PDB file of all heavy atoms in Angstrom:
ATOM      1  N   ILE A   1      23.817 -21.460 -59.078  1.00  0.00           N
ATOM      2  CA  ILE A   1      23.505 -22.590 -59.948  1.00  0.00           C
ATOM      3  C   ILE A   1      23.043 -23.710 -59.028  1.00  0.00           C
ATOM      4  O   ILE A   1      23.781 -24.118 -58.129  1.00  0.00           O
ATOM      5  CB  ILE A   1      24.740 -23.045 -60.752  1.00  0.00           C
ATOM      6  CG1 ILE A   1      25.275 -21.902 -61.612  1.00  0.00           C
ATOM      7  CG2 ILE A   1      24.413 -24.267 -61.606  1.00  0.00           C
ATOM      8  CD1 ILE A   1      26.683 -22.134 -62.140  1.00  0.00           C
ATOM      9  N   VAL A   2      21.818 -24.187 -59.218  1.00  0.00           N
ATOM     10  CA  VAL A   2      21.288 -25.246 -58.357  1.00  0.00           C
ATOM     11  C   VAL A   2      20.860 -26.419 -59.229  1.00  0.00           C
ATOM     12  O   VAL A   2      20.220 -26.234 -60.267  1.00  0.00           O
ATOM     13  CB  VAL A   2      20.131 -24.745 -57.465  1.00  0.00           C
ATOM     14  CG1 VAL A   2      19.034 -24.088 -58.285  1.00  0.00           C
ATOM     15  CG2 VAL A   2      19.553 -25.873 -56.625  1.00  0.00           C
ATOM     16  N   CYS A   3      21.252 -27.614 -58.825  1.00  0.00           N
ATOM     17  CA  CYS A   3      20.946 -28.791 -59.635  1.00  0.00           C
ATOM     18  C   CYS A   3      20.521 -29.945 -58.751  1.00  0.00           C
ATOM     19  O   CYS A   3      20.770 -29.969 -57.544  1.00  0.00           O
ATOM     20  CB  CYS A   3      22.159 -29.203 -60.458  1.00  0.00           C
ATOM     21  SG  CYS A   3      23.487 -29.950 -59.478  1.00  0.00           S
ATOM     22  N   GLY A   4      19.887 -30.908 -59.389  1.00  0.00           N
ATOM     23  CA  GLY A   4      19.589 -32.136 -58.683  1.00  0.00           C
ATOM     24  C   GLY A   4      18.246 -32.722 -59.036  1.00  0.00           C
ATOM     25  O   GLY A   4      17.537 -32.254 -59.933  1.00  0.00           O
ATOM     26  N   ASP A   5      17.923 -33.781 -58.306  1.00  0.00           N
ATOM     27  CA  ASP A   5      16.628 -34.436 -58.421  1.00  0.00           C
ATOM     28  C   ASP A   5      15.644 -33.635 -57.579  1.00  0.00           C
ATOM     29  O   ASP A   5      15.662 -33.695 -56.359  1.00  0.00           O
ATOM     30  CB  ASP A   5      16.743 -35.876 -57.920  1.00  0.00           C
ATOM     31  CG  ASP A   5      15.413 -36.606 -57.908  1.00  0.00           C
ATOM     32  OD1 ASP A   5      14.390 -36.003 -58.285  1.00  0.00           O
ATOM     33  OD2 ASP A   5      15.396 -37.793 -57.511  1.00  0.00           O
ATOM     34  N   MET A   6      14.790 -32.889 -58.242  1.00  0.00           N
ATOM     35  CA  MET A   6      13.840 -32.027 -57.539  1.00  0.00           C
ATOM     36  C   MET A   6      12.465 -32.674 -57.375  1.00  0.00           C
ATOM     37  O   MET A   6      11.548 -32.059 -56.840  1.00  0.00           O
ATOM     38  CB  MET A   6      13.746 -30.679 -58.239  1.00  0.00           C
ATOM     39  CG  MET A   6      15.073 -29.948 -58.197  1.00  0.00           C
ATOM     40  SD  MET A   6      14.948 -28.218 -58.678  1.00  0.00           S
ATOM     41  CE  MET A   6      16.626 -27.674 -58.310  1.00  0.00           C
ATOM     42  N   ASN A   7      12.377 -33.926 -57.817  1.00  0.00           N
ATOM     43  CA  ASN A   7      11.188 -34.732 -57.559  1.00  0.00           C
ATOM     44  C   ASN A   7       9.880 -34.040 -57.942  1.00  0.00           C
ATOM     45  O   ASN A   7       8.874 -34.147 -57.233  1.00  0.00           O
ATOM     46  CB  ASN A   7      11.161 -35.175 -56.089  1.00  0.00           C
ATOM     47  CG  ASN A   7      11.688 -36.596 -55.925  1.00  0.00           C
ATOM     48  OD1 ASN A   7      11.327 -37.487 -56.692  1.00  0.00           O
ATOM     49  ND2 ASN A   7      12.543 -36.801 -54.935  1.00  0.00           N
ATOM     50  N   VAL A   8       9.902 -33.330 -59.071  1.00  0.00           N
ATOM     51  CA  VAL A   8       8.672 -32.723 -59.583  1.00  0.00           C
ATOM     52  C   VAL A   8       8.798 -32.547 -61.092  1.00  0.00           C
ATOM     53  O   VAL A   8       9.842 -32.131 -61.603  1.00  0.00           O
ATOM     54  CB  VAL A   8       8.376 -31.365 -58.903  1.00  0.00           C
ATOM     55  CG1 VAL A   8       9.479 -30.344 -59.178  1.00  0.00           C
ATOM     56  CG2 VAL A   8       7.023 -30.821 -59.342  1.00  0.00           C
ATOM     57  N   ALA A   9       7.763 -32.932 -61.797  1.00  0.00           N
ATOM     58  CA  ALA A   9       7.642 -32.601 -63.216  1.00  0.00           C
ATOM     59  C   ALA A   9       6.805 -31.332 -63.288  1.00  0.00           C
ATOM     60  O   ALA A   9       5.640 -31.329 -62.903  1.00  0.00           O
ATOM     61  CB  ALA A   9       6.963 -33.746 -63.967  1.00  0.00           C
ATOM     62  N   HIS A  10       7.409 -30.249 -63.733  1.00  0.00           N
ATOM     63  CA  HIS A  10       6.769 -28.939 -63.588  1.00  0.00           C
ATOM     64  C   HIS A  10       5.500 -28.803 -64.413  1.00  0.00           C
ATOM     65  O   HIS A  10       4.463 -28.342 -63.927  1.00  0.00           O
ATOM     66  CB  HIS A  10       7.760 -27.838 -63.952  1.00  0.00           C
ATOM     67  CG  HIS A  10       7.239 -26.464 -63.702  1.00  0.00           C
ATOM     68  ND1 HIS A  10       7.610 -25.380 -64.474  1.00  0.00           N
ATOM     69  CD2 HIS A  10       6.376 -25.981 -62.782  1.00  0.00           C
ATOM     70  CE1 HIS A  10       6.996 -24.300 -64.023  1.00  0.00           C
ATOM     71  NE2 HIS A  10       6.242 -24.642 -62.995  1.00  0.00           N
ATOM     72  N   ASN A  11       5.570 -29.190 -65.671  1.00  0.00           N
ATOM     73  CA  ASN A  11       4.419 -29.025 -66.566  1.00  0.00           C
ATOM     74  C   ASN A  11       4.075 -30.338 -67.252  1.00  0.00           C
ATOM     75  O   ASN A  11       4.845 -31.299 -67.207  1.00  0.00           O
ATOM     76  CB  ASN A  11       4.717 -27.947 -67.611  1.00  0.00           C
ATOM     77  CG  ASN A  11       4.834 -26.563 -66.990  1.00  0.00           C
ATOM     78  OD1 ASN A  11       3.955 -26.149 -66.241  1.00  0.00           O
ATOM     79  ND2 ASN A  11       5.922 -25.861 -67.297  1.00  0.00           N
ATOM     80  N   GLU A  12       2.934 -30.366 -67.921  1.00  0.00           N
ATOM     81  CA  GLU A  12       2.478 -31.607 -68.550  1.00  0.00           C
ATOM     82  C   GLU A  12       3.461 -32.128 -69.585  1.00  0.00           C
ATOM     83  O   GLU A  12       3.576 -33.341 -69.787  1.00  0.00           O
ATOM     84  CB  GLU A  12       1.096 -31.406 -69.164  1.00  0.00           C
ATOM     85  CG  GLU A  12       0.003 -31.198 -68.116  1.00  0.00           C
ATOM     86  CD  GLU A  12      -1.396 -31.325 -68.675  1.00  0.00           C
ATOM     87  OE1 GLU A  12      -1.526 -31.406 -69.919  1.00  0.00           O
ATOM     88  OE2 GLU A  12      -2.347 -31.348 -67.875  1.00  0.00           O
ATOM     89  N   ILE A  13       4.194 -31.238 -70.214  1.00  0.00           N
ATOM     90  CA  ILE A  13       5.189 -31.652 -71.202  1.00  0.00           C
ATOM     91  C   ILE A  13       6.316 -32.454 -70.566  1.00  0.00           C
ATOM     92  O   ILE A  13       7.046 -33.177 -71.249  1.00  0.00           O
ATOM     93  CB  ILE A  13       5.749 -30.415 -71.942  1.00  0.00           C
ATOM     94  CG1 ILE A  13       6.531 -30.829 -73.187  1.00  0.00           C
ATOM     95  CG2 ILE A  13       6.610 -29.568 -71.009  1.00  0.00           C
ATOM     96  CD1 ILE A  13       7.025 -29.660 -74.021  1.00  0.00           C
ATOM     97  N   ASP A  14       6.446 -32.364 -69.234  1.00  0.00           N
ATOM     98  CA  ASP A  14       7.574 -32.959 -68.529  1.00  0.00           C
ATOM     99  C   ASP A  14       7.335 -34.383 -68.040  1.00  0.00           C
ATOM    100  O   ASP A  14       8.166 -34.934 -67.302  1.00  0.00           O
ATOM    101  CB  ASP A  14       7.971 -32.073 -67.341  1.00  0.00           C
ATOM    102  CG  ASP A  14       8.490 -30.713 -67.793  1.00  0.00           C
ATOM    103  OD1 ASP A  14       9.295 -30.680 -68.746  1.00  0.00           O
ATOM    104  OD2 ASP A  14       8.075 -29.692 -67.211  1.00  0.00           O
ATOM    105  N   LEU A  15       6.233 -35.012 -68.440  1.00  0.00           N
ATOM    106  CA  LEU A  15       6.020 -36.426 -68.152  1.00  0.00           C
ATOM    107  C   LEU A  15       5.142 -37.042 -69.229  1.00  0.00           C
ATOM    108  O   LEU A  15       4.388 -36.347 -69.905  1.00  0.00           O
ATOM    109  CB  LEU A  15       5.427 -36.658 -66.763  1.00  0.00           C
ATOM    110  CG  LEU A  15       3.974 -36.294 -66.469  1.00  0.00           C
ATOM    111  CD1 LEU A  15       3.543 -36.933 -65.150  1.00  0.00           C
ATOM    112  CD2 LEU A  15       3.766 -34.806 -66.410  1.00  0.00           C
ATOM    113  N   LYS A  16       5.249 -38.349 -69.358  1.00  0.00           N
ATOM    114  CA  LYS A  16       4.587 -39.036 -70.468  1.00  0.00           C
ATOM    115  C   LYS A  16       3.070 -39.063 -70.304  1.00  0.00           C
ATOM    116  O   LYS A  16       2.329 -38.898 -71.279  1.00  0.00           O
ATOM    117  CB  LYS A  16       5.128 -40.475 -70.568  1.00  0.00           C
ATOM    118  CG  LYS A  16       4.632 -41.237 -71.786  1.00  0.00           C
ATOM    119  CD  LYS A  16       5.206 -40.641 -73.061  1.00  0.00           C
ATOM    120  CE  LYS A  16       4.907 -41.505 -74.265  1.00  0.00           C
ATOM    121  NZ  LYS A  16       5.510 -40.959 -75.494  1.00  0.00           N
ATOM    122  N   ASN A  17       2.610 -39.306 -69.076  1.00  0.00           N
ATOM    123  CA  ASN A  17       1.178 -39.503 -68.859  1.00  0.00           C
ATOM    124  C   ASN A  17       0.626 -38.530 -67.812  1.00  0.00           C
ATOM    125  O   ASN A  17       0.279 -38.928 -66.695  1.00  0.00           O
ATOM    126  CB  ASN A  17       0.912 -40.945 -68.420  1.00  0.00           C
ATOM    127  CG  ASN A  17       1.324 -41.946 -69.481  1.00  0.00           C
ATOM    128  OD1 ASN A  17       0.875 -41.873 -70.615  1.00  0.00           O
ATOM    129  ND2 ASN A  17       2.199 -42.866 -69.108  1.00  0.00           N
ATOM    130  N   PRO A  18       0.531 -37.234 -68.135  1.00  0.00           N
ATOM    131  CA  PRO A  18       0.077 -36.253 -67.144  1.00  0.00           C
ATOM    132  C   PRO A  18      -1.363 -36.469 -66.680  1.00  0.00           C
ATOM    133  O   PRO A  18      -1.678 -36.244 -65.506  1.00  0.00           O
ATOM    134  CB  PRO A  18       0.233 -34.915 -67.874  1.00  0.00           C
ATOM    135  CG  PRO A  18       0.219 -35.257 -69.330  1.00  0.00           C
ATOM    136  CD  PRO A  18       0.865 -36.591 -69.426  1.00  0.00           C
ATOM    137  N   ALA A  19      -2.236 -36.917 -67.557  1.00  0.00           N
ATOM    138  CA  ALA A  19      -3.660 -36.994 -67.219  1.00  0.00           C
ATOM    139  C   ALA A  19      -3.936 -37.903 -66.039  1.00  0.00           C
ATOM    140  O   ALA A  19      -4.845 -37.649 -65.240  1.00  0.00           O
ATOM    141  CB  ALA A  19      -4.452 -37.462 -68.433  1.00  0.00           C
ATOM    142  N   THR A  20      -3.138 -38.967 -65.898  1.00  0.00           N
ATOM    143  CA  THR A  20      -3.382 -39.945 -64.838  1.00  0.00           C
ATOM    144  C   THR A  20      -2.517 -39.725 -63.604  1.00  0.00           C
ATOM    145  O   THR A  20      -2.524 -40.556 -62.693  1.00  0.00           O
ATOM    146  CB  THR A  20      -3.134 -41.367 -65.369  1.00  0.00           C
ATOM    147  OG1 THR A  20      -1.782 -41.456 -65.858  1.00  0.00           O
ATOM    148  CG2 THR A  20      -4.103 -41.706 -66.485  1.00  0.00           C
ATOM    149  N   ASN A  21      -1.782 -38.612 -63.550  1.00  0.00           N
ATOM    150  CA  ASN A  21      -0.816 -38.428 -62.458  1.00  0.00           C
ATOM    151  C   ASN A  21      -1.013 -37.159 -61.625  1.00  0.00           C
ATOM    152  O   ASN A  21      -0.136 -36.791 -60.843  1.00  0.00           O
ATOM    153  CB  ASN A  21       0.609 -38.449 -63.017  1.00  0.00           C
ATOM    154  CG  ASN A  21       1.102 -39.865 -63.265  1.00  0.00           C
ATOM    155  OD1 ASN A  21       1.312 -40.634 -62.328  1.00  0.00           O
ATOM    156  ND2 ASN A  21       1.275 -40.214 -64.537  1.00  0.00           N
ATOM    157  N   HIS A  22      -2.152 -36.505 -61.758  1.00  0.00           N
ATOM    158  CA  HIS A  22      -2.343 -35.244 -61.044  1.00  0.00           C
ATOM    159  C   HIS A  22      -2.393 -35.392 -59.524  1.00  0.00           C
ATOM    160  O   HIS A  22      -2.239 -34.396 -58.807  1.00  0.00           O
ATOM    161  CB  HIS A  22      -3.609 -34.542 -61.553  1.00  0.00           C
ATOM    162  CG  HIS A  22      -3.392 -33.791 -62.837  1.00  0.00           C
ATOM    163  ND1 HIS A  22      -2.829 -32.531 -62.887  1.00  0.00           N
ATOM    164  CD2 HIS A  22      -3.632 -34.146 -64.132  1.00  0.00           C
ATOM    165  CE1 HIS A  22      -2.754 -32.134 -64.149  1.00  0.00           C
ATOM    166  NE2 HIS A  22      -3.234 -33.092 -64.925  1.00  0.00           N
ATOM    167  N   GLU A  23      -2.594 -36.590 -59.035  1.00  0.00           N
ATOM    168  CA  GLU A  23      -2.573 -36.816 -57.595  1.00  0.00           C
ATOM    169  C   GLU A  23      -1.406 -37.699 -57.187  1.00  0.00           C
ATOM    170  O   GLU A  23      -1.381 -38.236 -56.077  1.00  0.00           O
ATOM    171  CB  GLU A  23      -3.904 -37.433 -57.136  1.00  0.00           C
ATOM    172  CG  GLU A  23      -5.092 -36.499 -57.352  1.00  0.00           C
ATOM    173  CD  GLU A  23      -6.396 -37.078 -56.866  1.00  0.00           C
ATOM    174  OE1 GLU A  23      -6.379 -38.148 -56.234  1.00  0.00           O
ATOM    175  OE2 GLU A  23      -7.442 -36.443 -57.119  1.00  0.00           O
ATOM    176  N   SER A  24      -0.438 -37.822 -58.063  1.00  0.00           N
ATOM    177  CA  SER A  24       0.745 -38.633 -57.792  1.00  0.00           C
ATOM    178  C   SER A  24       1.875 -37.771 -57.258  1.00  0.00           C
ATOM    179  O   SER A  24       2.008 -36.590 -57.608  1.00  0.00           O
ATOM    180  CB  SER A  24       1.217 -39.336 -59.074  1.00  0.00           C
ATOM    181  OG  SER A  24       0.227 -40.180 -59.597  1.00  0.00           O
ATOM    182  N   ALA A  25       2.718 -38.373 -56.404  1.00  0.00           N
ATOM    183  CA  ALA A  25       3.923 -37.681 -55.934  1.00  0.00           C
ATOM    184  C   ALA A  25       4.758 -37.271 -57.136  1.00  0.00           C
ATOM    185  O   ALA A  25       5.007 -38.061 -58.038  1.00  0.00           O
ATOM    186  CB  ALA A  25       4.722 -38.605 -55.023  1.00  0.00           C
ATOM    187  N   GLY A  26       5.165 -36.018 -57.154  1.00  0.00           N
ATOM    188  CA  GLY A  26       5.965 -35.503 -58.258  1.00  0.00           C
ATOM    189  C   GLY A  26       5.174 -34.743 -59.307  1.00  0.00           C
ATOM    190  O   GLY A  26       5.768 -34.069 -60.152  1.00  0.00           O
ATOM    191  N   PHE A  27       3.839 -34.834 -59.242  1.00  0.00           N
ATOM    192  CA  PHE A  27       3.030 -34.066 -60.193  1.00  0.00           C
ATOM    193  C   PHE A  27       1.766 -33.514 -59.536  1.00  0.00           C
ATOM    194  O   PHE A  27       0.806 -33.144 -60.212  1.00  0.00           O
ATOM    195  CB  PHE A  27       2.662 -34.912 -61.417  1.00  0.00           C
ATOM    196  CG  PHE A  27       2.207 -34.108 -62.603  1.00  0.00           C
ATOM    197  CD1 PHE A  27       3.043 -33.170 -63.206  1.00  0.00           C
ATOM    198  CD2 PHE A  27       0.933 -34.272 -63.128  1.00  0.00           C
ATOM    199  CE1 PHE A  27       2.619 -32.420 -64.299  1.00  0.00           C
ATOM    200  CE2 PHE A  27       0.485 -33.528 -64.224  1.00  0.00           C
ATOM    201  CZ  PHE A  27       1.340 -32.591 -64.805  1.00  0.00           C
ATOM    202  N   SER A  28       1.774 -33.456 -58.217  1.00  0.00           N
ATOM    203  CA  SER A  28       0.629 -32.865 -57.520  1.00  0.00           C
ATOM    204  C   SER A  28       0.606 -31.361 -57.763  1.00  0.00           C
ATOM    205  O   SER A  28       1.640 -30.742 -58.037  1.00  0.00           O
ATOM    206  CB  SER A  28       0.708 -33.153 -56.021  1.00  0.00           C
ATOM    207  OG  SER A  28       1.774 -32.433 -55.428  1.00  0.00           O
ATOM    208  N   ASP A  29      -0.561 -30.775 -57.656  1.00  0.00           N
ATOM    209  CA  ASP A  29      -0.679 -29.329 -57.833  1.00  0.00           C
ATOM    210  C   ASP A  29       0.202 -28.582 -56.837  1.00  0.00           C
ATOM    211  O   ASP A  29       0.811 -27.555 -57.178  1.00  0.00           O
ATOM    212  CB  ASP A  29      -2.133 -28.892 -57.652  1.00  0.00           C
ATOM    213  CG  ASP A  29      -3.034 -29.395 -58.775  1.00  0.00           C
ATOM    214  OD1 ASP A  29      -2.500 -29.798 -59.824  1.00  0.00           O
ATOM    215  OD2 ASP A  29      -4.272 -29.375 -58.590  1.00  0.00           O
ATOM    216  N   GLU A  30       0.284 -29.104 -55.611  1.00  0.00           N
ATOM    217  CA  GLU A  30       1.056 -28.422 -54.565  1.00  0.00           C
ATOM    218  C   GLU A  30       2.542 -28.398 -54.897  1.00  0.00           C
ATOM    219  O   GLU A  30       3.215 -27.360 -54.754  1.00  0.00           O
ATOM    220  CB  GLU A  30       0.834 -29.122 -53.214  1.00  0.00           C
ATOM    221  CG  GLU A  30      -0.588 -29.019 -52.682  1.00  0.00           C
ATOM    222  CD  GLU A  30      -1.481 -30.163 -53.147  1.00  0.00           C
ATOM    223  OE1 GLU A  30      -1.133 -30.845 -54.147  1.00  0.00           O
ATOM    224  OE2 GLU A  30      -2.532 -30.382 -52.506  1.00  0.00           O
ATOM    225  N   GLU A  31       3.066 -29.528 -55.340  1.00  0.00           N
ATOM    226  CA  GLU A  31       4.490 -29.600 -55.674  1.00  0.00           C
ATOM    227  C   GLU A  31       4.822 -28.726 -56.879  1.00  0.00           C
ATOM    228  O   GLU A  31       5.842 -28.004 -56.888  1.00  0.00           O
ATOM    229  CB  GLU A  31       4.880 -31.050 -55.954  1.00  0.00           C
ATOM    230  CG  GLU A  31       4.840 -31.937 -54.731  1.00  0.00           C
ATOM    231  CD  GLU A  31       4.855 -33.411 -55.103  1.00  0.00           C
ATOM    232  OE1 GLU A  31       4.037 -33.835 -55.947  1.00  0.00           O
ATOM    233  OE2 GLU A  31       5.700 -34.124 -54.543  1.00  0.00           O
ATOM    234  N   ARG A  32       3.972 -28.772 -57.878  1.00  0.00           N
ATOM    235  CA  ARG A  32       4.202 -27.973 -59.076  1.00  0.00           C
ATOM    236  C   ARG A  32       4.125 -26.473 -58.756  1.00  0.00           C
ATOM    237  O   ARG A  32       4.889 -25.668 -59.305  1.00  0.00           O
ATOM    238  CB  ARG A  32       3.193 -28.351 -60.147  1.00  0.00           C
ATOM    239  CG  ARG A  32       3.346 -29.793 -60.627  1.00  0.00           C
ATOM    240  CD  ARG A  32       2.166 -30.227 -61.471  1.00  0.00           C
ATOM    241  NE  ARG A  32       2.079 -29.441 -62.697  1.00  0.00           N
ATOM    242  CZ  ARG A  32       0.986 -29.353 -63.432  1.00  0.00           C
ATOM    243  NH1 ARG A  32      -0.142 -29.956 -63.049  1.00  0.00           N
ATOM    244  NH2 ARG A  32       0.989 -28.635 -64.541  1.00  0.00           N
ATOM    245  N   GLU A  33       3.219 -26.110 -57.855  1.00  0.00           N
ATOM    246  CA  GLU A  33       3.100 -24.708 -57.458  1.00  0.00           C
ATOM    247  C   GLU A  33       4.360 -24.226 -56.753  1.00  0.00           C
ATOM    248  O   GLU A  33       4.850 -23.119 -57.015  1.00  0.00           O
ATOM    249  CB  GLU A  33       1.894 -24.514 -56.541  1.00  0.00           C
ATOM    250  CG  GLU A  33       1.701 -23.072 -56.103  1.00  0.00           C
ATOM    251  CD  GLU A  33       0.531 -22.876 -55.154  1.00  0.00           C
ATOM    252  OE1 GLU A  33      -0.035 -23.885 -54.695  1.00  0.00           O
ATOM    253  OE2 GLU A  33       0.204 -21.717 -54.878  1.00  0.00           O
ATOM    254  N   LYS A  34       4.921 -25.055 -55.867  1.00  0.00           N
ATOM    255  CA  LYS A  34       6.140 -24.662 -55.162  1.00  0.00           C
ATOM    256  C   LYS A  34       7.302 -24.489 -56.132  1.00  0.00           C
ATOM    257  O   LYS A  34       8.111 -23.565 -55.991  1.00  0.00           O
ATOM    258  CB  LYS A  34       6.500 -25.704 -54.099  1.00  0.00           C
ATOM    259  CG  LYS A  34       5.548 -25.761 -52.920  1.00  0.00           C
ATOM    260  CD  LYS A  34       5.575 -24.495 -52.072  1.00  0.00           C
ATOM    261  CE  LYS A  34       4.708 -24.672 -50.837  1.00  0.00           C
ATOM    262  NZ  LYS A  34       4.608 -23.427 -50.030  1.00  0.00           N
ATOM    263  N   PHE A  35       7.389 -25.375 -57.133  1.00  0.00           N
ATOM    264  CA  PHE A  35       8.454 -25.238 -58.116  1.00  0.00           C
ATOM    265  C   PHE A  35       8.271 -23.949 -58.914  1.00  0.00           C
ATOM    266  O   PHE A  35       9.240 -23.225 -59.188  1.00  0.00           O
ATOM    267  CB  PHE A  35       8.465 -26.443 -59.053  1.00  0.00           C
ATOM    268  CG  PHE A  35       9.659 -26.496 -59.957  1.00  0.00           C
ATOM    269  CD1 PHE A  35      10.872 -26.968 -59.496  1.00  0.00           C
ATOM    270  CD2 PHE A  35       9.577 -26.067 -61.273  1.00  0.00           C
ATOM    271  CE1 PHE A  35      11.987 -27.004 -60.322  1.00  0.00           C
ATOM    272  CE2 PHE A  35      10.668 -26.105 -62.115  1.00  0.00           C
ATOM    273  CZ  PHE A  35      11.878 -26.577 -61.634  1.00  0.00           C
ATOM    274  N   GLY A  36       7.039 -23.651 -59.259  1.00  0.00           N
ATOM    275  CA  GLY A  36       6.758 -22.396 -59.954  1.00  0.00           C
ATOM    276  C   GLY A  36       7.138 -21.189 -59.123  1.00  0.00           C
ATOM    277  O   GLY A  36       7.657 -20.194 -59.654  1.00  0.00           O
ATOM    278  N   MET A  37       6.896 -21.258 -57.825  1.00  0.00           N
ATOM    279  CA  MET A  37       7.270 -20.164 -56.936  1.00  0.00           C
ATOM    280  C   MET A  37       8.781 -19.960 -56.915  1.00  0.00           C
ATOM    281  O   MET A  37       9.265 -18.824 -56.856  1.00  0.00           O
ATOM    282  CB  MET A  37       6.756 -20.433 -55.525  1.00  0.00           C
ATOM    283  CG  MET A  37       5.250 -20.339 -55.379  1.00  0.00           C
ATOM    284  SD  MET A  37       4.655 -20.889 -53.753  1.00  0.00           S
ATOM    285  CE  MET A  37       5.412 -19.632 -52.682  1.00  0.00           C
ATOM    286  N   LEU A  38       9.529 -21.061 -56.976  1.00  0.00           N
ATOM    287  CA  LEU A  38      10.990 -20.955 -57.009  1.00  0.00           C
ATOM    288  C   LEU A  38      11.448 -20.256 -58.287  1.00  0.00           C
ATOM    289  O   LEU A  38      12.302 -19.357 -58.250  1.00  0.00           O
ATOM    290  CB  LEU A  38      11.611 -22.341 -56.898  1.00  0.00           C
ATOM    291  CG  LEU A  38      13.137 -22.419 -56.945  1.00  0.00           C
ATOM    292  CD1 LEU A  38      13.765 -21.555 -55.865  1.00  0.00           C
ATOM    293  CD2 LEU A  38      13.602 -23.866 -56.816  1.00  0.00           C
ATOM    294  N   LEU A  39      10.880 -20.643 -59.411  1.00  0.00           N
ATOM    295  CA  LEU A  39      11.239 -19.974 -60.659  1.00  0.00           C
ATOM    296  C   LEU A  39      10.870 -18.493 -60.623  1.00  0.00           C
ATOM    297  O   LEU A  39      11.658 -17.632 -61.040  1.00  0.00           O
ATOM    298  CB  LEU A  39      10.544 -20.658 -61.843  1.00  0.00           C
ATOM    299  CG  LEU A  39      10.920 -22.117 -62.119  1.00  0.00           C
ATOM    300  CD1 LEU A  39      10.164 -22.624 -63.336  1.00  0.00           C
ATOM    301  CD2 LEU A  39      12.417 -22.282 -62.310  1.00  0.00           C
ATOM    302  N   GLU A  40       9.692 -18.192 -60.100  1.00  0.00           N
ATOM    303  CA  GLU A  40       9.240 -16.794 -60.028  1.00  0.00           C
ATOM    304  C   GLU A  40      10.106 -15.963 -59.087  1.00  0.00           C
ATOM    305  O   GLU A  40      10.174 -14.738 -59.232  1.00  0.00           O
ATOM    306  CB  GLU A  40       7.789 -16.753 -59.561  1.00  0.00           C
ATOM    307  CG  GLU A  40       6.798 -17.270 -60.607  1.00  0.00           C
ATOM    308  CD  GLU A  40       5.413 -17.485 -60.038  1.00  0.00           C
ATOM    309  OE1 GLU A  40       5.194 -17.115 -58.859  1.00  0.00           O
ATOM    310  OE2 GLU A  40       4.552 -18.013 -60.761  1.00  0.00           O
ATOM    311  N   ALA A  41      10.784 -16.624 -58.175  1.00  0.00           N
ATOM    312  CA  ALA A  41      11.662 -15.910 -57.241  1.00  0.00           C
ATOM    313  C   ALA A  41      12.980 -15.493 -57.883  1.00  0.00           C
ATOM    314  O   ALA A  41      13.796 -14.817 -57.257  1.00  0.00           O
ATOM    315  CB  ALA A  41      11.930 -16.780 -56.007  1.00  0.00           C
ATOM    316  N   GLY A  42      13.183 -15.900 -59.150  1.00  0.00           N
ATOM    317  CA  GLY A  42      14.367 -15.420 -59.857  1.00  0.00           C
ATOM    318  C   GLY A  42      15.282 -16.490 -60.408  1.00  0.00           C
ATOM    319  O   GLY A  42      16.491 -16.286 -60.530  1.00  0.00           O
ATOM    320  N   PHE A  43      14.707 -17.658 -60.776  1.00  0.00           N
ATOM    321  CA  PHE A  43      15.520 -18.739 -61.329  1.00  0.00           C
ATOM    322  C   PHE A  43      14.978 -19.196 -62.681  1.00  0.00           C
ATOM    323  O   PHE A  43      13.787 -19.107 -62.951  1.00  0.00           O
ATOM    324  CB  PHE A  43      15.567 -19.927 -60.355  1.00  0.00           C
ATOM    325  CG  PHE A  43      16.399 -19.648 -59.130  1.00  0.00           C
ATOM    326  CD1 PHE A  43      15.811 -19.105 -57.990  1.00  0.00           C
ATOM    327  CD2 PHE A  43      17.758 -19.895 -59.116  1.00  0.00           C
ATOM    328  CE1 PHE A  43      16.561 -18.821 -56.857  1.00  0.00           C
ATOM    329  CE2 PHE A  43      18.525 -19.620 -57.984  1.00  0.00           C
ATOM    330  CZ  PHE A  43      17.921 -19.086 -56.862  1.00  0.00           C
ATOM    331  N   THR A  44      15.882 -19.714 -63.503  1.00  0.00           N
ATOM    332  CA  THR A  44      15.567 -20.163 -64.854  1.00  0.00           C
ATOM    333  C   THR A  44      15.845 -21.644 -64.986  1.00  0.00           C
ATOM    334  O   THR A  44      16.927 -22.121 -64.608  1.00  0.00           O
ATOM    335  CB  THR A  44      16.422 -19.392 -65.887  1.00  0.00           C
ATOM    336  OG1 THR A  44      16.097 -17.995 -65.820  1.00  0.00           O
ATOM    337  CG2 THR A  44      16.187 -19.905 -67.296  1.00  0.00           C
ATOM    338  N   ASP A  45      14.888 -22.382 -65.518  1.00  0.00           N
ATOM    339  CA  ASP A  45      15.050 -23.798 -65.839  1.00  0.00           C
ATOM    340  C   ASP A  45      15.865 -23.859 -67.132  1.00  0.00           C
ATOM    341  O   ASP A  45      15.363 -23.543 -68.214  1.00  0.00           O
ATOM    342  CB  ASP A  45      13.659 -24.421 -65.999  1.00  0.00           C
ATOM    343  CG  ASP A  45      13.683 -25.868 -66.459  1.00  0.00           C
ATOM    344  OD1 ASP A  45      14.751 -26.377 -66.820  1.00  0.00           O
ATOM    345  OD2 ASP A  45      12.596 -26.482 -66.473  1.00  0.00           O
TER     346      ASP A  45
END
């Protein structure tokens, strides 16, 4: 069980204004990809 501030909004549903934040810390493609990789490695949000 892992918890905490992971400093990433995974999908567009997870923040109010996704369109203007694709290059912002916490919603960059790179950060979202790493979070996706963690889930694909065997974890459930």
